[in-house]
């Protein structure tokens, strides 16, 4: 991982936590066979590719701060159930 790429990417995504999560998720995708969204060279590692994608604006993140998730409701009992639902506890 090249330090100058980290500096440039941190200007696009200033939060270190968000940047780490975006890069790690994208590296996982690249490892699973997804194609790079930028021109690559032989010397570029997967993290360099992901950082370059962030720098060029090919990938970004969406914050869910303020998002209120609905609580999971317990499932209704099914006929023949003898044990209580563990999620409801």
C-alpha atoms as a PDB file:
ATOM      1  CA  UNK A   1       0.000   0.000   0.000  1.00  0.00           C
ATOM      2  CA  UNK A   2       1.496   3.290  -1.071  1.00  0.00           C
ATOM      3  CA  UNK A   3       1.404   6.157   1.472  1.00  0.00           C
ATOM      4  CA  UNK A   4       0.724   8.865  -1.111  1.00  0.00           C
ATOM      5  CA  UNK A   5      -2.423   7.013  -2.201  1.00  0.00           C
ATOM      6  CA  UNK A   6      -3.637   6.871   1.406  1.00  0.00           C
ATOM      7  CA  UNK A   7      -3.123  10.620   1.782  1.00  0.00           C
ATOM      8  CA  UNK A   8      -5.038  11.370  -1.419  1.00  0.00           C
ATOM      9  CA  UNK A   9      -7.872   8.965  -0.546  1.00  0.00           C
ATOM     10  CA  UNK A  10      -8.193  10.473   2.935  1.00  0.00           C
ATOM     11  CA  UNK A  11      -8.995  13.801   1.262  1.00  0.00           C
ATOM     12  CA  UNK A  12     -11.957  12.127  -0.463  1.00  0.00           C
ATOM     13  CA  UNK A  13     -13.093  10.123   2.598  1.00  0.00           C
ATOM     14  CA  UNK A  14     -11.805  12.040   5.639  1.00  0.00           C
ATOM     15  CA  UNK A  15     -12.963   9.523   8.261  1.00  0.00           C
ATOM     16  CA  UNK A  16     -10.268   6.897   8.800  1.00  0.00           C
ATOM     17  CA  UNK A  17     -12.841   4.320   9.894  1.00  0.00           C
ATOM     18  CA  UNK A  18     -14.956   4.818   6.786  1.00  0.00           C
ATOM     19  CA  UNK A  19     -11.893   4.733   4.541  1.00  0.00           C
ATOM     20  CA  UNK A  20     -10.641   1.476   6.067  1.00  0.00           C
ATOM     21  CA  UNK A  21     -14.073  -0.124   5.702  1.00  0.00           C
ATOM     22  CA  UNK A  22     -14.505   1.005   2.098  1.00  0.00           C
ATOM     23  CA  UNK A  23     -11.029  -0.175   1.100  1.00  0.00           C
ATOM     24  CA  UNK A  24     -11.294  -3.526   2.874  1.00  0.00           C
ATOM     25  CA  UNK A  25     -14.693  -4.254   1.345  1.00  0.00           C
ATOM     26  CA  UNK A  26     -13.449  -3.319  -2.125  1.00  0.00           C
ATOM     27  CA  UNK A  27     -10.296  -5.447  -1.730  1.00  0.00           C
ATOM     28  CA  UNK A  28     -12.518  -8.386  -0.802  1.00  0.00           C
ATOM     29  CA  UNK A  29     -14.582  -7.796  -3.947  1.00  0.00           C
ATOM     30  CA  UNK A  30     -11.444  -7.659  -6.094  1.00  0.00           C
ATOM     31  CA  UNK A  31     -10.181 -10.892  -4.510  1.00  0.00           C
ATOM     32  CA  UNK A  32     -13.494 -12.529  -5.429  1.00  0.00           C
ATOM     33  CA  UNK A  33     -13.046 -11.663  -9.104  1.00  0.00           C
ATOM     34  CA  UNK A  34     -14.648  -8.239  -9.525  1.00  0.00           C
ATOM     35  CA  UNK A  35     -12.944  -6.152 -12.178  1.00  0.00           C
ATOM     36  CA  UNK A  36     -11.071  -2.959 -11.309  1.00  0.00           C
ATOM     37  CA  UNK A  37     -12.802   0.298 -12.224  1.00  0.00           C
ATOM     38  CA  UNK A  38      -9.493   2.036 -13.021  1.00  0.00           C
ATOM     39  CA  UNK A  39      -6.486   1.385 -15.226  1.00  0.00           C
ATOM     40  CA  UNK A  40      -4.006  -0.834 -13.387  1.00  0.00           C
ATOM     41  CA  UNK A  41      -0.332  -1.699 -13.695  1.00  0.00           C
ATOM     42  CA  UNK A  42       1.454  -4.923 -12.828  1.00  0.00           C
ATOM     43  CA  UNK A  43       2.950  -3.431  -9.677  1.00  0.00           C
ATOM     44  CA  UNK A  44      -0.372  -2.350  -8.150  1.00  0.00           C
ATOM     45  CA  UNK A  45      -1.710  -4.406  -5.271  1.00  0.00           C
ATOM     46  CA  UNK A  46      -5.413  -4.813  -4.599  1.00  0.00           C
ATOM     47  CA  UNK A  47      -5.369  -2.134  -1.908  1.00  0.00           C
ATOM     48  CA  UNK A  48      -3.639   0.279  -4.322  1.00  0.00           C
ATOM     49  CA  UNK A  49      -6.352  -0.400  -6.876  1.00  0.00           C
ATOM     50  CA  UNK A  50      -9.082   0.230  -4.284  1.00  0.00           C
ATOM     51  CA  UNK A  51      -7.412   3.447  -3.108  1.00  0.00           C
ATOM     52  CA  UNK A  52      -7.071   4.655  -6.707  1.00  0.00           C
ATOM     53  CA  UNK A  53     -10.764   3.954  -7.277  1.00  0.00           C
ATOM     54  CA  UNK A  54     -11.615   6.133  -4.264  1.00  0.00           C
ATOM     55  CA  UNK A  55      -9.265   8.907  -5.428  1.00  0.00           C
ATOM     56  CA  UNK A  56     -10.777   8.928  -8.924  1.00  0.00           C
ATOM     57  CA  UNK A  57     -14.311   8.969  -7.519  1.00  0.00           C
ATOM     58  CA  UNK A  58     -15.250   5.544  -8.866  1.00  0.00           C
ATOM     59  CA  UNK A  59     -16.329   4.310  -5.435  1.00  0.00           C
ATOM     60  CA  UNK A  60     -17.505   6.143  -2.347  1.00  0.00           C
ATOM     61  CA  UNK A  61     -19.594   5.481   0.737  1.00  0.00           C
ATOM     62  CA  UNK A  62     -22.998   6.416   2.034  1.00  0.00           C
ATOM     63  CA  UNK A  63     -23.301   7.201   5.712  1.00  0.00           C
ATOM     64  CA  UNK A  64     -26.245   5.771   7.601  1.00  0.00           C
ATOM     65  CA  UNK A  65     -25.809   8.101  10.582  1.00  0.00           C
ATOM     66  CA  UNK A  66     -29.277   9.088  11.713  1.00  0.00           C
ATOM     67  CA  UNK A  67     -30.807   5.991  10.131  1.00  0.00           C
ATOM     68  CA  UNK A  68     -33.219   4.345  12.561  1.00  0.00           C
ATOM     69  CA  UNK A  69     -33.627   0.662  11.917  1.00  0.00           C
ATOM     70  CA  UNK A  70     -36.913  -1.003  12.702  1.00  0.00           C
ATOM     71  CA  UNK A  71     -36.628  -3.472  15.579  1.00  0.00           C
ATOM     72  CA  UNK A  72     -37.011  -7.127  14.704  1.00  0.00           C
ATOM     73  CA  UNK A  73     -40.414  -8.302  15.821  1.00  0.00           C
ATOM     74  CA  UNK A  74     -40.711 -11.783  17.302  1.00  0.00           C
ATOM     75  CA  UNK A  75     -42.174 -14.266  14.881  1.00  0.00           C
ATOM     76  CA  UNK A  76     -45.644 -15.559  15.671  1.00  0.00           C
ATOM     77  CA  UNK A  77     -45.781 -19.139  16.962  1.00  0.00           C
ATOM     78  CA  UNK A  78     -46.365 -21.799  14.337  1.00  0.00           C
ATOM     79  CA  UNK A  79     -48.690 -24.711  14.819  1.00  0.00           C
ATOM     80  CA  UNK A  80     -46.776 -27.475  16.559  1.00  0.00           C
ATOM     81  CA  UNK A  81     -44.107 -25.203  18.095  1.00  0.00           C
ATOM     82  CA  UNK A  82     -43.212 -26.334  21.581  1.00  0.00           C
ATOM     83  CA  UNK A  83     -40.214 -24.090  22.245  1.00  0.00           C
ATOM     84  CA  UNK A  84     -40.448 -20.306  22.554  1.00  0.00           C
ATOM     85  CA  UNK A  85     -38.787 -18.128  19.938  1.00  0.00           C
ATOM     86  CA  UNK A  86     -35.264 -17.281  21.126  1.00  0.00           C
ATOM     87  CA  UNK A  87     -35.252 -13.979  19.216  1.00  0.00           C
ATOM     88  CA  UNK A  88     -38.126 -12.684  21.312  1.00  0.00           C
ATOM     89  CA  UNK A  89     -36.144 -12.923  24.531  1.00  0.00           C
END
